[in-house]
Structures are given as structure tokens and as C-alpha cells.
């Protein structure tokens, strides 16, 4: 058992995922999360004067969450918008949402309240399969005042100041993710009682790739008018690429291979191996990469 403990303490010899992730963290490497399949869709709604007898509203809002379901013969999937989308209504009642990105997955919410009396308080998203790129965080800094501040995901400390509204994401035990916030030096510090509202997607990864979205998407979203009225209407999908980009969480073998190379590149792009490392970090679903420089071309 002593030998096993020793092996699990080092990145090269560890086999248990939690230990591999912890060792990768020591060199500043965050394993890639699962990635949701996506497509960029253009879709429209044709409203009539009977729906709005007093005149068309100025715009329609598509609320975050479920937007489309697939109606094909294969397994059905849900596609979502992760931020509110708005589109104007023409004088003829046509409302078109152009080039709107939708992501496969289950849209979930989580709420936390900062408790300074709990010195070990953690903000953990209690699900596997989270696509960390879809996480959205809003903080209500004063519980008695009804306003929120949007927090952005931080990538490094260089651009983070004492008042930056940022958070960090890191993988913890059992493929779950923890959010951490600033300490007042790097990132703004949350006050006691502040409410943290989180939305995110858990995804089935590559399983949802390759759906012919333009033919198989059925609208299931929630629409509001500019005056706050909830409405329903038939949706026409004019254009949507086949779904793409879905992938599973980064494997243990991949983390062990890439973490040392990511550390050696130091987030720069100079030699060819740096480019390969950074490209894989941005596009984890690629099967293979071949990188070469101009000095190698005859």
C-alpha cells in the first residue's frame, strides 16, 4: 500500500483521476471539461395582428434555457441558449433570431449564500458532465437590494485586480467543479450574505454531434415580448449547421500527457509544440494535430 500511495503522489505514475487532476493542478493545468455539441441557427416567428391587437411589441426575448429539442429517429437531445437573446419585430410581424448559438445539454441552476462563519465553505456544482464554458455567474452582493453583478471566468492573475468581478473554476473530486472567488487582492471579495446564482449545462458530449439541425429541430423555448408578455408561436428554422464540437471530459491519459507540455509552454506560442498544446486546449474534440513552421517548407 505504501508503494501505491507513492505512485499516486506523482503525475507520471498516478492512475486514479482525482490524484492525476491534483498533480496537474500543481503545474497550473486545468483538465478540459466535457464540451457541449452546438450549432449556429437562424430561426424566425411570424406573428399576426390578432395576437397583438394593440400593435406589435418592439422586440421579442428568448429566455435562457431550453430552446430546441431534436425530433429525429436517433436519441433525442435538448439544445439551449445560455444567455438571453433578443430580436426586433418588423412592421409585418416577422421576428428573426439570426446566427444564434445553441448548445446541447440539460440547463441547470445552483444557488449559494456566502457564510463567513463557515471557514471551509465551498461552492461546488454537484453534477458530472458540466461544460465549464457554459457556466454563467451572477452575484447579488447585498441580499436586501435587488440588483446583481455579472462575474466573468478568470484565466490568469495578470489582468485581475482587487476590484475585478471574476471567479475561477477547477475540477475537484468525482469530476465535479468548484467555483472560487477573489480575496480582495486578486478579484473582489464577496461579502457575508451575498447570493451567488449559477447557471450551467451538463452535456452528453460527442453523442450529440452530427444532428441535421435544420431538419430535426423543434422549438421549445420561452418567449417574452418587450412588455413582459409570455407568448407562443410556430418557429421556422431557416438555417443551422449539423451539430458539432461535443466531447467528453479530458481523459486521465490525456491529462498526464498534456499537463507537462502545457507547463513548459507557459501559455505562450513560440515553438510548434506550444501551438499544438494551445490548440488542443481550445479545441479538445480534435482527433489529431500536425503543426509545422515556415522553416520546414521547401
Protein backbone atom coordinates (compact mmCIF):
# COMPACT_ATOMS: atom_id res chain seq x y z
CA UNK A 1 0.00 0.00 0.00
CA UNK A 2 2.93 2.33 0.69
CA UNK A 3 4.15 1.79 -2.86
CA UNK A 4 0.69 2.60 -4.24
CA UNK A 5 0.50 5.81 -2.19
CA UNK A 6 3.90 6.82 -3.51
CA UNK A 7 2.85 6.14 -7.11
CA UNK A 8 -0.35 8.15 -6.73
CA UNK A 9 1.63 11.16 -5.49
CA UNK A 10 3.24 11.81 -8.88
CA UNK A 11 1.65 12.79 -12.18
CA UNK A 12 3.61 10.30 -14.25
CA UNK A 13 2.69 7.24 -12.15
CA UNK A 14 -0.76 8.15 -10.75
CA UNK A 15 -3.75 6.23 -12.13
CA UNK A 16 -6.69 7.49 -10.07
CA UNK A 17 -8.30 10.50 -11.75
CA UNK A 18 -8.61 12.66 -8.62
CA UNK A 19 -4.88 12.21 -7.94
CA UNK A 20 -3.92 12.94 -11.55
CA UNK A 21 -6.03 16.10 -11.53
CA UNK A 22 -4.49 17.23 -8.23
CA UNK A 23 -0.96 16.72 -9.59
CA UNK A 24 -1.84 18.58 -12.80
CA UNK A 25 -3.16 21.46 -10.71
CA UNK A 26 0.28 21.78 -9.11
CA UNK A 27 1.71 22.73 -12.51
CA UNK A 28 -1.18 25.06 -13.35
CA UNK A 29 -3.02 22.72 -15.70
CA UNK A 30 -6.83 22.54 -15.60
CA UNK A 31 -8.13 19.48 -17.49
CA UNK A 32 -10.66 20.25 -20.20
CA UNK A 33 -14.26 19.71 -19.18
CA UNK A 34 -16.85 17.97 -21.28
CA UNK A 35 -17.90 20.14 -24.24
CA UNK A 36 -21.46 20.51 -25.45
CA UNK A 37 -22.30 19.96 -29.11
CA UNK A 38 -23.53 23.16 -30.71
CA UNK A 39 -24.87 24.73 -33.85
CA UNK A 40 -25.44 28.27 -35.07
CA UNK A 41 -29.08 28.61 -36.04
CA UNK A 42 -31.21 31.25 -37.73
CA UNK A 43 -34.92 30.92 -36.94
CA UNK A 44 -37.98 33.13 -37.12
CA UNK A 45 -41.54 33.64 -35.89
CA UNK A 46 -44.37 35.12 -37.91
CA UNK A 47 -46.84 36.92 -35.66
CA UNK A 48 -50.26 38.19 -36.68
CA UNK A 49 -52.24 41.25 -35.68
CA UNK A 50 -54.75 39.02 -33.91
CA UNK A 51 -52.01 38.09 -31.43
CA UNK A 52 -51.24 41.75 -30.78
CA UNK A 53 -54.45 43.73 -31.45
CA UNK A 54 -52.95 46.89 -29.95
CA UNK A 55 -49.82 46.72 -32.12
CA UNK A 56 -46.66 44.67 -32.31
CA UNK A 57 -44.17 44.96 -29.43
CA UNK A 58 -40.74 46.38 -30.26
CA UNK A 59 -38.85 43.12 -29.70
CA UNK A 60 -39.09 39.51 -28.55
CA UNK A 61 -36.79 37.95 -25.96
CA UNK A 62 -35.78 34.28 -25.93
CA UNK A 63 -35.07 33.35 -22.32
CA UNK A 64 -32.02 31.28 -21.29
CA UNK A 65 -32.60 27.55 -21.10
CA UNK A 66 -34.26 25.07 -23.41
CA UNK A 67 -34.65 26.33 -26.98
CA UNK A 68 -34.93 23.26 -29.24
CA UNK A 69 -35.40 19.53 -28.98
CA UNK A 70 -34.40 17.10 -31.69
CA UNK A 71 -37.14 15.23 -33.49
CA UNK A 72 -35.01 12.72 -35.36
CA UNK A 73 -35.18 8.96 -35.04
CA UNK A 74 -31.97 8.79 -33.05
CA UNK A 75 -31.74 9.62 -29.35
CA UNK A 76 -33.36 12.95 -28.61
CA UNK A 77 -31.35 15.84 -27.24
CA UNK A 78 -32.14 19.27 -25.86
CA UNK A 79 -30.39 22.40 -27.16
CA UNK A 80 -30.28 25.58 -25.13
CA UNK A 81 -29.36 29.23 -25.21
CA UNK A 82 -27.21 30.17 -22.24
CA UNK A 83 -27.79 33.93 -22.39
CA UNK A 84 -30.92 35.99 -23.20
CA UNK A 85 -31.42 36.61 -26.93
CA UNK A 86 -33.48 39.48 -28.36
CA UNK A 87 -34.72 40.24 -31.87
CA UNK A 88 -36.88 43.09 -33.24
CA UNK A 89 -40.30 42.61 -34.82
CA UNK A 90 -40.82 44.03 -38.30
CA UNK A 91 -43.89 46.04 -39.31
CA UNK A 92 -45.23 42.82 -40.86
CA UNK A 93 -44.90 40.85 -37.63
CA UNK A 94 -41.75 38.90 -38.57
CA UNK A 95 -39.19 38.29 -35.83
CA UNK A 96 -35.88 36.64 -36.79
CA UNK A 97 -33.16 35.42 -34.44
CA UNK A 98 -30.08 35.35 -36.67
CA UNK A 99 -26.90 33.34 -36.06
CA UNK A 100 -27.84 32.22 -32.56
CA UNK A 101 -25.59 29.61 -30.95
CA UNK A 102 -27.42 26.82 -29.14
CA UNK A 103 -25.78 24.15 -27.01
CA UNK A 104 -26.80 20.58 -26.20
CA UNK A 105 -27.40 19.67 -22.59
CA UNK A 106 -29.55 19.99 -19.52
CA UNK A 107 -29.82 23.57 -18.29
CA UNK A 108 -29.37 23.72 -14.51
CA UNK A 109 -29.18 26.37 -11.82
CA UNK A 110 -27.39 26.48 -8.49
CA UNK A 111 -27.63 29.00 -5.68
CA UNK A 112 -25.20 29.67 -2.84
CA UNK A 113 -25.13 32.13 0.05
CA UNK A 114 -21.76 33.32 1.36
CA UNK A 115 -21.35 32.36 5.00
CA UNK A 116 -18.17 33.76 6.56
CA UNK A 117 -18.78 31.71 9.69
CA UNK A 118 -18.13 28.57 7.63
CA UNK A 119 -14.37 28.70 7.10
CA UNK A 120 -14.48 25.62 4.85
CA UNK A 121 -17.38 26.75 2.66
CA UNK A 122 -17.10 25.51 -0.91
CA UNK A 123 -19.15 26.36 -3.99
CA UNK A 124 -19.35 23.06 -5.86
CA UNK A 125 -21.55 22.25 -8.86
CA UNK A 126 -22.90 18.88 -7.83
CA UNK A 127 -23.07 17.25 -11.27
CA UNK A 128 -20.83 15.33 -13.62
CA UNK A 129 -20.63 16.29 -17.29
CA UNK A 130 -20.51 20.06 -16.76
CA UNK A 131 -19.32 22.13 -19.73
CA UNK A 132 -17.41 24.84 -17.88
CA UNK A 133 -17.60 27.18 -20.88
CA UNK A 134 -21.37 27.42 -20.34
CA UNK A 135 -21.15 28.49 -16.70
CA UNK A 136 -22.69 31.90 -16.04
CA UNK A 137 -22.38 33.53 -12.60
CA UNK A 138 -24.33 36.47 -11.20
CA UNK A 139 -23.81 37.75 -7.68
CA UNK A 140 -26.31 39.66 -5.59
CA UNK A 141 -23.82 41.44 -3.28
CA UNK A 142 -26.43 42.84 -0.86
CA UNK A 143 -29.30 40.43 -0.13
CA UNK A 144 -31.78 43.23 0.59
CA UNK A 145 -31.10 45.09 -2.66
CA UNK A 146 -32.47 43.66 -5.89
CA UNK A 147 -29.54 44.01 -8.27
CA UNK A 148 -26.92 41.56 -9.48
CA UNK A 149 -23.40 41.77 -10.92
CA UNK A 150 -22.20 39.52 -13.72
CA UNK A 151 -18.94 37.73 -12.87
CA UNK A 152 -16.54 36.55 -15.57
CA UNK A 153 -14.39 33.43 -15.54
CA UNK A 154 -10.74 34.39 -14.92
CA UNK A 155 -7.93 32.80 -16.92
CA UNK A 156 -4.87 34.26 -15.23
CA UNK A 157 -3.81 36.61 -12.46
CA UNK A 158 -2.05 39.17 -14.66
CA UNK A 159 -5.22 41.02 -15.66
CA UNK A 160 -7.07 40.56 -12.34
CA UNK A 161 -7.17 43.49 -9.92
CA UNK A 162 -8.59 43.95 -6.44
CA UNK A 163 -11.99 45.02 -7.80
CA UNK A 164 -12.28 42.55 -10.68
CA UNK A 165 -15.57 40.67 -10.66
CA UNK A 166 -14.18 37.24 -11.53
CA UNK A 167 -14.24 33.63 -10.45
CA UNK A 168 -12.11 30.57 -11.10
CA UNK A 169 -13.19 27.03 -11.98
CA UNK A 170 -11.28 23.90 -11.06
CA UNK A 171 -12.05 20.23 -11.17
CA UNK A 172 -12.39 18.54 -7.78
CA UNK A 173 -13.36 15.03 -6.68
CA UNK A 174 -15.59 12.82 -8.82
CA UNK A 175 -15.38 15.03 -11.94
CA UNK A 176 -17.26 17.89 -10.29
CA UNK A 177 -16.30 21.55 -10.42
CA UNK A 178 -15.69 24.11 -7.72
CA UNK A 179 -16.03 27.87 -8.11
CA UNK A 180 -13.65 30.10 -6.17
CA UNK A 181 -13.81 33.86 -5.82
CA UNK A 182 -11.36 36.66 -5.11
CA UNK A 183 -9.73 37.56 -1.80
CA UNK A 184 -9.77 41.35 -2.20
CA UNK A 185 -6.26 41.40 -3.70
CA UNK A 186 -6.83 39.21 -6.74
CA UNK A 187 -10.51 39.60 -7.55
CA UNK A 188 -13.20 41.27 -5.48
CA UNK A 189 -14.05 39.57 -2.19
CA UNK A 190 -17.65 38.50 -1.63
CA UNK A 191 -19.33 39.89 1.47
CA UNK A 192 -21.13 37.83 4.05
CA UNK A 193 -24.67 37.04 2.93
CA UNK A 194 -24.02 37.65 -0.76
CA UNK A 195 -26.06 35.39 -3.03
CA UNK A 196 -24.37 33.53 -5.88
CA UNK A 197 -26.58 32.44 -8.78
CA UNK A 198 -25.06 29.98 -11.24
CA UNK A 199 -26.43 28.52 -14.47
CA UNK A 200 -24.68 25.82 -16.48
CA UNK A 201 -25.14 22.86 -18.81
CA UNK A 202 -24.42 19.22 -18.22
CA UNK A 203 -23.85 17.60 -21.57
CA UNK A 204 -23.66 14.22 -23.29
CA UNK A 205 -20.63 15.38 -25.25
CA UNK A 206 -19.86 13.76 -28.59
CA UNK A 207 -23.11 11.76 -28.63
CA UNK A 208 -24.97 14.85 -29.86
CA UNK A 209 -22.60 15.60 -32.77
CA UNK A 210 -23.81 15.24 -36.36
CA UNK A 211 -27.52 16.03 -35.95
CA UNK A 212 -29.06 17.65 -39.02
CA UNK A 213 -30.33 20.58 -37.01
CA UNK A 214 -32.18 22.46 -39.74
CA UNK A 215 -34.47 19.49 -40.39
CA UNK A 216 -34.85 17.98 -36.93
CA UNK A 217 -35.02 20.89 -34.52
CA UNK A 218 -38.37 21.56 -32.84
CA UNK A 219 -38.73 24.83 -30.95
CA UNK A 220 -39.42 24.51 -27.23
CA UNK A 221 -38.14 27.81 -25.87
CA UNK A 222 -39.75 30.52 -23.77
CA UNK A 223 -40.57 33.83 -25.45
CA UNK A 224 -41.37 37.16 -23.83
CA UNK A 225 -42.41 40.39 -25.51
CA UNK A 226 -40.78 43.72 -24.72
CA UNK A 227 -43.70 44.35 -22.37
CA UNK A 228 -43.14 41.08 -20.47
CA UNK A 229 -45.97 39.08 -22.06
CA UNK A 230 -45.35 35.34 -22.49
CA UNK A 231 -46.25 34.15 -26.00
CA UNK A 232 -46.24 31.03 -28.17
CA UNK A 233 -45.78 30.82 -31.91
CA UNK A 234 -44.72 28.42 -34.64
CA UNK A 235 -41.00 28.54 -35.34
CA UNK A 236 -39.31 28.21 -38.73
CA UNK A 237 -35.65 27.16 -38.73
CA UNK A 238 -34.11 28.76 -41.82
CA UNK A 239 -30.53 27.64 -41.35
CA UNK A 240 -28.46 25.56 -38.94
CA UNK A 241 -25.27 23.59 -39.46
CA UNK A 242 -25.05 19.98 -38.39
CA UNK A 243 -24.26 19.90 -34.68
CA UNK A 244 -20.56 19.73 -33.85
CA UNK A 245 -17.93 20.24 -31.14
CA UNK A 246 -19.20 17.88 -28.44
CA UNK A 247 -16.59 15.91 -26.50
CA UNK A 248 -16.13 14.03 -23.24
CA UNK A 249 -14.18 15.25 -20.23
CA UNK A 250 -10.43 15.02 -20.79
CA UNK A 251 -9.14 11.52 -20.06
CA UNK A 252 -6.57 10.61 -17.44
CA UNK A 253 -4.10 9.59 -20.16
CA UNK A 254 -4.53 12.94 -21.90
CA UNK A 255 -4.02 14.92 -18.68
CA UNK A 256 -0.82 13.02 -17.91
CA UNK A 257 0.45 13.65 -21.44
CA UNK A 258 -0.55 17.30 -21.83
CA UNK A 259 -0.04 18.79 -18.37
CA UNK A 260 3.80 18.79 -18.50
CA UNK A 261 3.73 20.19 -22.05
CA UNK A 262 1.25 22.91 -21.06
CA UNK A 263 3.53 23.85 -18.18
CA UNK A 264 6.56 24.01 -20.45
CA UNK A 265 4.72 26.25 -22.93
CA UNK A 266 3.77 28.74 -20.15
CA UNK A 267 0.74 29.82 -22.21
CA UNK A 268 2.93 31.20 -24.98
CA UNK A 269 3.02 30.34 -28.66
CA UNK A 270 6.61 30.22 -29.89
CA UNK A 271 7.66 26.72 -30.96
CA UNK A 272 5.44 24.21 -32.73
CA UNK A 273 4.77 22.17 -29.58
CA UNK A 274 3.37 25.33 -27.93
CA UNK A 275 0.86 25.73 -30.75
CA UNK A 276 -0.20 22.09 -30.53
CA UNK A 277 -0.74 22.40 -26.77
CA UNK A 278 -2.79 25.59 -27.03
CA UNK A 279 -4.90 24.35 -29.96
CA UNK A 280 -5.79 21.18 -28.06
CA UNK A 281 -6.77 23.30 -25.06
CA UNK A 282 -9.15 25.40 -27.19
CA UNK A 283 -10.50 22.52 -29.32
CA UNK A 284 -10.35 19.38 -27.14
CA UNK A 285 -12.50 17.34 -29.54
CA UNK A 286 -9.90 17.26 -32.36
CA UNK A 287 -8.56 13.80 -33.13
CA UNK A 288 -5.05 14.81 -34.18
CA UNK A 289 -2.95 17.88 -34.96
CA UNK A 290 0.07 18.35 -37.17
CA UNK A 291 1.92 21.63 -36.61
CA UNK A 292 4.78 22.90 -38.75
CA UNK A 293 6.56 26.20 -39.28
CA UNK A 294 7.66 28.07 -42.38
CA UNK A 295 11.24 26.92 -41.93
CA UNK A 296 10.06 23.38 -42.70
CA UNK A 297 8.57 24.31 -46.09
CA UNK A 298 10.69 23.96 -49.19
